[in-house]
């Protein structure tokens, strides 16, 4: 449970914070020493809920209500406190974010999504069989290195998710080029999407840009 130490329910002295009796006691002692509080008060070492600390000072349990908001496009201002009996309620106001900051957040999301797509893999048809191609950076580098070391007449056993395939020079060239084209498509998508974000002049326009395609329910 969080608490506020308040004066006359007008000024927040401490909090919101968990029950920390030594810290709270130290603050109360300082208030007495500075002359802001008339009488000393000793805090219980155990969490005891609402406490009237005398002289208009109270320790009040506080709960928070959070308005629905999209943290990408909006931010919360507050908390602002109201009091009901011996409890406090902290609430927030929702405001639209700064458009430049929103663009920065979205551009970072685009880079993350491009990286995911880049490493998601693609497919290529080799010897009449559709083969899954690992497009992760380590695998791409390994495949390119193997291709560069091959002679035109060489063949190479390469393991794909579908099993081993005996690749010719032309086959592995096709795999490498397919992977490279796929990767370039992802960077092209990132560039186009970032340009679209930068060209927006309103939050509504930014919200209309799709960065991650919504998942399609199974069976649809």
Protein backbone atom coordinates (compact mmCIF):
# COMPACT_ATOMS: atom_id res chain seq x y z
CA UNK A 1 0.00 0.00 0.00
CA UNK A 2 1.20 3.51 -0.79
CA UNK A 3 0.87 6.48 1.55
CA UNK A 4 0.91 10.25 1.48
CA UNK A 5 2.08 12.42 4.35
CA UNK A 6 -0.05 15.54 3.98
CA UNK A 7 -0.60 18.79 5.83
CA UNK A 8 -4.21 19.93 6.14
CA UNK A 9 -4.91 17.87 3.01
CA UNK A 10 -3.52 20.79 1.03
CA UNK A 11 0.21 20.09 0.84
CA UNK A 12 1.98 16.81 0.06
CA UNK A 13 4.94 16.43 2.41
CA UNK A 14 5.98 12.89 1.42
CA UNK A 15 4.83 10.31 -1.04
CA UNK A 16 3.40 8.43 -2.56
CA UNK A 17 5.59 5.81 -0.92
CA UNK A 18 5.47 2.43 0.77
CA UNK A 19 5.35 2.19 4.56
CA UNK A 20 8.84 3.23 5.66
CA UNK A 21 8.51 4.08 9.35
CA UNK A 22 12.08 5.28 9.94
CA UNK A 23 11.98 7.56 6.91
CA UNK A 24 8.55 8.91 7.82
CA UNK A 25 9.62 9.37 11.44
CA UNK A 26 12.70 11.28 10.31
CA UNK A 27 10.52 13.65 8.27
CA UNK A 28 8.14 14.22 11.18
CA UNK A 29 11.09 14.93 13.49
CA UNK A 30 12.50 17.43 10.98
CA UNK A 31 9.13 19.17 10.82
CA UNK A 32 9.15 19.53 14.62
CA UNK A 33 12.78 20.71 14.67
CA UNK A 34 12.05 23.34 12.01
CA UNK A 35 9.01 24.59 13.90
CA UNK A 36 6.54 23.58 11.20
CA UNK A 37 4.94 20.98 13.47
CA UNK A 38 4.11 21.79 17.09
CA UNK A 39 4.27 18.36 18.74
CA UNK A 40 6.32 15.22 18.32
CA UNK A 41 4.67 12.07 17.05
CA UNK A 42 5.96 8.49 17.00
CA UNK A 43 5.15 6.28 14.01
CA UNK A 44 4.32 2.62 14.52
CA UNK A 45 6.98 0.27 13.08
CA UNK A 46 4.23 -1.78 11.43
CA UNK A 47 1.96 -0.73 8.60
CA UNK A 48 -1.20 0.42 10.35
CA UNK A 49 -3.20 2.22 7.65
CA UNK A 50 -4.44 5.76 8.18
CA UNK A 51 -2.59 7.71 10.90
CA UNK A 52 -3.48 11.11 12.34
CA UNK A 53 -0.06 12.53 13.19
CA UNK A 54 -1.60 15.60 14.92
CA UNK A 55 -1.19 19.28 14.08
CA UNK A 56 -2.95 18.79 10.74
CA UNK A 57 -0.51 16.15 9.52
CA UNK A 58 -1.87 12.80 8.32
CA UNK A 59 -0.56 9.60 6.78
CA UNK A 60 -3.22 8.64 4.29
CA UNK A 61 -3.41 5.43 2.21
CA UNK A 62 -3.61 6.28 -1.48
CA UNK A 63 -4.94 4.41 -4.48
CA UNK A 64 -4.55 5.42 -8.11
CA UNK A 65 -6.92 5.49 -11.04
CA UNK A 66 -5.41 5.46 -14.51
CA UNK A 67 -7.34 6.69 -17.51
CA UNK A 68 -7.16 4.58 -20.64
CA UNK A 69 -4.50 6.02 -22.91
CA UNK A 70 -2.03 5.04 -25.61
CA UNK A 71 1.48 5.75 -24.27
CA UNK A 72 2.82 6.07 -27.82
CA UNK A 73 0.58 9.04 -28.58
CA UNK A 74 -0.42 10.35 -25.16
CA UNK A 75 1.04 11.07 -21.74
CA UNK A 76 -0.34 11.31 -18.22
CA UNK A 77 -0.22 14.47 -16.14
CA UNK A 78 -0.47 14.13 -12.39
CA UNK A 79 -1.29 12.63 -10.04
CA UNK A 80 -3.90 14.99 -8.65
CA UNK A 81 -5.30 13.95 -5.27
CA UNK A 82 -8.79 14.00 -3.84
CA UNK A 83 -9.78 12.71 -0.42
CA UNK A 84 -12.62 10.44 0.59
CA UNK A 85 -12.75 9.87 4.32
CA UNK A 86 -9.34 8.62 5.41
CA UNK A 87 -8.17 7.60 1.96
CA UNK A 88 -6.71 9.52 -0.96
CA UNK A 89 -7.31 8.91 -4.65
CA UNK A 90 -4.69 9.88 -7.21
CA UNK A 91 -5.92 10.56 -10.74
CA UNK A 92 -4.25 11.63 -13.95
CA UNK A 93 -5.16 13.81 -16.90
CA UNK A 94 -4.49 12.51 -20.40
CA UNK A 95 -2.81 14.76 -22.96
CA UNK A 96 -1.68 14.30 -26.54
CA UNK A 97 2.07 13.86 -26.86
CA UNK A 98 4.48 16.09 -28.74
CA UNK A 99 4.35 15.13 -32.41
CA UNK A 100 8.14 15.14 -32.79
CA UNK A 101 8.54 12.75 -29.85
CA UNK A 102 5.80 10.50 -31.22
CA UNK A 103 7.60 10.35 -34.58
CA UNK A 104 10.81 9.36 -32.82
CA UNK A 105 9.03 6.56 -30.96
CA UNK A 106 7.39 5.27 -34.15
CA UNK A 107 10.65 5.36 -36.10
CA UNK A 108 12.25 3.24 -33.38
CA UNK A 109 9.34 0.81 -33.67
CA UNK A 110 9.86 0.65 -37.44
CA UNK A 111 13.53 -0.24 -36.97
CA UNK A 112 12.58 -2.99 -34.50
CA UNK A 113 9.97 -4.39 -36.89
CA UNK A 114 12.38 -4.24 -39.83
CA UNK A 115 14.92 -6.22 -37.82
CA UNK A 116 12.27 -8.80 -36.97
CA UNK A 117 11.25 -9.09 -40.61
CA UNK A 118 14.88 -9.18 -41.72
CA UNK A 119 15.48 -12.25 -39.58
CA UNK A 120 12.09 -13.89 -40.17
CA UNK A 121 13.26 -15.91 -43.17
CA UNK A 122 11.90 -16.42 -46.65
CA UNK A 123 11.47 -19.25 -49.14
CA UNK A 124 13.04 -20.19 -52.46
CA UNK A 125 12.32 -22.96 -54.95
CA UNK A 126 15.34 -25.16 -55.56
CA UNK A 127 15.22 -28.27 -57.76
CA UNK A 128 11.43 -28.11 -57.77
CA UNK A 129 11.22 -27.98 -53.97
CA UNK A 130 10.24 -25.00 -51.85
CA UNK A 131 13.00 -24.44 -49.32
CA UNK A 132 12.93 -22.31 -46.17
CA UNK A 133 15.83 -19.87 -46.03
CA UNK A 134 17.19 -18.64 -42.71
CA UNK A 135 17.85 -14.91 -43.18
CA UNK A 136 19.45 -14.27 -39.81
CA UNK A 137 22.70 -12.35 -40.15
CA UNK A 138 24.94 -15.17 -38.96
CA UNK A 139 23.39 -17.66 -41.37
CA UNK A 140 23.58 -15.19 -44.27
CA UNK A 141 27.26 -14.60 -43.67
CA UNK A 142 27.96 -18.35 -43.46
CA UNK A 143 26.06 -18.99 -46.67
CA UNK A 144 27.78 -16.17 -48.55
CA UNK A 145 31.20 -17.37 -47.38
CA UNK A 146 30.43 -20.90 -48.60
CA UNK A 147 29.30 -19.53 -51.96
CA UNK A 148 32.43 -17.42 -52.39
CA UNK A 149 34.62 -20.50 -51.80
CA UNK A 150 32.80 -22.64 -54.37
CA UNK A 151 33.90 -23.31 -57.92
CA UNK A 152 31.28 -23.43 -60.66
CA UNK A 153 31.49 -27.23 -60.83
CA UNK A 154 31.24 -27.76 -57.07
CA UNK A 155 28.23 -29.03 -55.15
CA UNK A 156 27.47 -28.49 -51.50
CA UNK A 157 25.35 -30.37 -49.00
CA UNK A 158 23.34 -27.78 -47.09
CA UNK A 159 20.83 -28.44 -44.34
CA UNK A 160 17.50 -26.62 -44.49
CA UNK A 161 14.47 -27.13 -42.23
CA UNK A 162 13.13 -29.47 -44.92
CA UNK A 163 16.33 -31.55 -44.81
CA UNK A 164 19.65 -31.75 -46.64
CA UNK A 165 19.80 -30.53 -50.23
CA UNK A 166 22.76 -31.08 -52.56
CA UNK A 167 23.22 -27.56 -53.94
CA UNK A 168 24.94 -26.73 -57.18
CA UNK A 169 26.80 -23.47 -57.67
CA UNK A 170 23.73 -22.06 -59.39
CA UNK A 171 21.45 -23.30 -56.62
CA UNK A 172 23.43 -21.64 -53.84
CA UNK A 173 23.72 -18.48 -55.93
CA UNK A 174 19.93 -18.46 -56.17
CA UNK A 175 19.59 -18.91 -52.41
CA UNK A 176 22.06 -16.11 -51.67
CA UNK A 177 20.43 -13.71 -54.14
CA UNK A 178 16.93 -14.54 -52.90
CA UNK A 179 17.98 -13.83 -49.33
CA UNK A 180 19.70 -10.59 -50.33
CA UNK A 181 16.63 -9.41 -52.26
CA UNK A 182 14.39 -10.28 -49.33
CA UNK A 183 16.61 -8.32 -46.92
CA UNK A 184 16.67 -5.31 -49.23
CA UNK A 185 12.88 -5.36 -49.40
CA UNK A 186 12.77 -4.99 -45.61
CA UNK A 187 15.10 -2.00 -45.65
CA UNK A 188 13.07 -0.49 -48.48
CA UNK A 189 9.96 -0.92 -46.35
CA UNK A 190 11.70 0.75 -43.39
CA UNK A 191 12.76 3.74 -45.52
CA UNK A 192 9.31 4.22 -47.06
CA UNK A 193 7.57 3.89 -43.68
CA UNK A 194 9.94 6.32 -41.95
CA UNK A 195 9.46 8.83 -44.76
CA UNK A 196 5.70 8.51 -44.32
CA UNK A 197 6.05 9.12 -40.58
CA UNK A 198 8.20 12.21 -41.11
CA UNK A 199 5.71 13.66 -43.59
CA UNK A 200 2.79 13.49 -41.12
CA UNK A 201 1.53 16.74 -39.66
CA UNK A 202 -1.03 15.36 -37.17
CA UNK A 203 -1.37 12.60 -34.62
CA UNK A 204 -4.33 11.22 -36.57
CA UNK A 205 -2.10 10.75 -39.62
CA UNK A 206 0.54 9.03 -37.51
CA UNK A 207 -2.02 6.64 -36.06
CA UNK A 208 -3.05 5.62 -39.57
CA UNK A 209 0.44 4.27 -40.35
CA UNK A 210 0.60 0.50 -39.88
CA UNK A 211 3.95 -0.71 -38.56
CA UNK A 212 3.05 -4.19 -37.35
CA UNK A 213 0.32 -5.92 -39.29
CA UNK A 214 -2.44 -7.17 -36.97
CA UNK A 215 -2.44 -10.91 -36.43
CA UNK A 216 -5.01 -12.84 -38.47
CA UNK A 217 -7.14 -15.11 -36.22
CA UNK A 218 -6.68 -18.82 -36.85
CA UNK A 219 -9.29 -20.31 -39.12
CA UNK A 220 -9.97 -17.03 -40.93
